[in-house]
C-alpha atoms as a PDB file:
ATOM      1  CA  MET A   1     -10.237  64.793 -30.170  1.00  0.00           C
ATOM      2  CA  GLN A   2      -6.613  63.180 -29.693  1.00  0.00           C
ATOM      3  CA  ASN A   3      -4.822  61.328 -32.945  1.00  0.00           C
ATOM      4  CA  TYR A   4      -1.629  60.426 -32.978  1.00  0.00           C
ATOM      5  CA  GLN A   5       0.814  58.611 -35.510  1.00  0.00           C
ATOM      6  CA  LEU A   6       4.633  57.231 -35.398  1.00  0.00           C
ATOM      7  CA  THR A   7       6.034  56.001 -38.375  1.00  0.00           C
ATOM      8  CA  VAL A   8       9.730  54.634 -38.725  1.00  0.00           C
ATOM      9  CA  SER A   9      11.210  53.793 -42.078  1.00  0.00           C
ATOM     10  CA  GLY A  10      14.652  52.640 -43.751  1.00  0.00           C
ATOM     11  CA  GLY A  11      16.412  50.526 -45.731  1.00  0.00           C
ATOM     12  CA  SER A  12      19.421  50.108 -48.168  1.00  0.00           C
ATOM     13  CA  GLU A  13      19.902  50.125 -52.154  1.00  0.00           C
ATOM     14  CA  LYS A  14      17.878  46.542 -52.125  1.00  0.00           C
ATOM     15  CA  SER A  15      15.634  46.602 -49.575  1.00  0.00           C
ATOM     16  CA  ASN A  16      13.342  48.855 -47.701  1.00  0.00           C
ATOM     17  CA  TYR A  17      10.461  48.956 -44.777  1.00  0.00           C
ATOM     18  CA  ALA A  18       8.249  51.279 -43.099  1.00  0.00           C
ATOM     19  CA  VAL A  19       6.272  50.425 -39.825  1.00  0.00           C
ATOM     20  CA  SER A  20       3.869  52.978 -38.605  1.00  0.00           C
ATOM     21  CA  GLY A  21       0.895  52.989 -35.723  1.00  0.00           C
ATOM     22  CA  GLY A  22      -1.902  55.378 -35.190  1.00  0.00           C
ATOM     23  CA  TYR A  23      -4.079  56.417 -32.137  1.00  0.00           C
ATOM     24  CA  LEU A  24      -7.404  58.083 -32.533  1.00  0.00           C
ATOM     25  CA  ASN A  25      -9.883  59.023 -29.625  1.00  0.00           C
ATOM     26  CA  GLN A  26     -12.581  61.037 -30.294  1.00  0.00           C
ATOM     27  CA  GLU A  27     -15.424  61.902 -27.761  1.00  0.00           C
ATOM     28  CA  GLY A  28     -19.264  62.204 -28.738  1.00  0.00           C
ATOM     29  CA  ILE A  29     -21.273  64.969 -27.988  1.00  0.00           C
ATOM     30  CA  VAL A  30     -23.595  62.683 -26.182  1.00  0.00           C
ATOM     31  CA  LYS A  31     -21.864  61.895 -22.268  1.00  0.00           C
ATOM     32  CA  TYR A  32     -20.163  58.410 -22.550  1.00  0.00           C
ATOM     33  CA  THR A  33     -20.259  58.306 -26.173  1.00  0.00           C
ATOM     34  CA  GLY A  34     -17.359  58.400 -29.005  1.00  0.00           C
ATOM     35  CA  PHE A  35     -15.254  56.739 -31.307  1.00  0.00           C
ATOM     36  CA  LYS A  36     -11.768  55.255 -30.786  1.00  0.00           C
ATOM     37  CA  ARG A  37      -9.237  53.477 -33.465  1.00  0.00           C
ATOM     38  CA  TYR A  38      -6.071  51.660 -33.257  1.00  0.00           C
ATOM     39  CA  THR A  39      -4.246  51.055 -36.655  1.00  0.00           C
ATOM     40  CA  ILE A  40      -1.243  49.456 -37.712  1.00  0.00           C
ATOM     41  CA  ARG A  41       0.622  49.259 -40.838  1.00  0.00           C
ATOM     42  CA  ALA A  42       3.953  47.325 -42.509  1.00  0.00           C
ATOM     43  CA  ASN A  43       5.538  47.389 -45.734  1.00  0.00           C
ATOM     44  CA  THR A  44       8.643  45.637 -46.738  1.00  0.00           C
ATOM     45  CA  ASN A  45      10.201  45.509 -50.337  1.00  0.00           C
ATOM     46  CA  PHE A  46      13.220  43.803 -51.492  1.00  0.00           C
ATOM     47  CA  THR A  47      15.031  43.674 -55.196  1.00  0.00           C
ATOM     48  CA  LEU A  48      16.199  40.281 -55.971  1.00  0.00           C
ATOM     49  CA  LEU A  49      18.001  38.397 -58.823  1.00  0.00           C
ATOM     50  CA  ASN A  50      19.847  41.863 -60.444  1.00  0.00           C
ATOM     51  CA  ASP A  51      16.938  43.985 -60.472  1.00  0.00           C
ATOM     52  CA  ARG A  52      14.586  41.812 -62.448  1.00  0.00           C
ATOM     53  CA  LEU A  53      12.676  40.647 -59.495  1.00  0.00           C
ATOM     54  CA  GLN A  54      10.945  42.476 -57.167  1.00  0.00           C
ATOM     55  CA  LEU A  55       8.696  41.203 -53.856  1.00  0.00           C
ATOM     56  CA  GLY A  56       6.633  43.476 -51.391  1.00  0.00           C
ATOM     57  CA  ARG A  57       4.179  42.856 -48.830  1.00  0.00           C
ATOM     58  CA  ILE A  58       1.652  45.179 -46.785  1.00  0.00           C
ATOM     59  CA  PHE A  59       0.189  44.243 -43.746  1.00  0.00           C
ATOM     60  CA  ASN A  60      -2.456  46.457 -42.858  1.00  0.00           C
ATOM     61  CA  THR A  61      -5.142  46.362 -39.596  1.00  0.00           C
ATOM     62  CA  GLN A  62      -7.517  48.626 -37.871  1.00  0.00           C
ATOM     63  CA  GLU A  63      -9.302  48.202 -34.724  1.00  0.00           C
ATOM     64  CA  PRO A  64     -12.131  50.596 -34.719  1.00  0.00           C
ATOM     65  CA  ARG A  65     -14.508  51.245 -31.266  1.00  0.00           C
ATOM     66  CA  VAL A  66     -17.879  52.431 -31.193  1.00  0.00           C
ATOM     67  CA  LEU A  67     -18.194  53.946 -27.606  1.00  0.00           C
ATOM     68  CA  GLY A  68     -21.723  54.096 -26.073  1.00  0.00           C
ATOM     69  CA  LEU A  69     -25.343  53.177 -27.361  1.00  0.00           C
ATOM     70  CA  GLN A  70     -24.927  51.154 -30.450  1.00  0.00           C
ATOM     71  CA  PRO A  71     -27.364  50.767 -33.202  1.00  0.00           C
ATOM     72  CA  THR A  72     -29.278  47.702 -33.636  1.00  0.00           C
END
């Protein structure tokens, strides 16, 4: 099995961000089967109007792929 994750984050007193990505590759026990997944996540946060308002956004997606025989 292979599993990789990478995260980058930073910010300032009034804003911050984080972006991460991942990859998973798991071979099945039957030849030519397995599972792969790619993931991406991004977060942003902002503080505005003298700390009276906070805005944030989250983006998350993944792409799973089953390799080999598919159930019908």
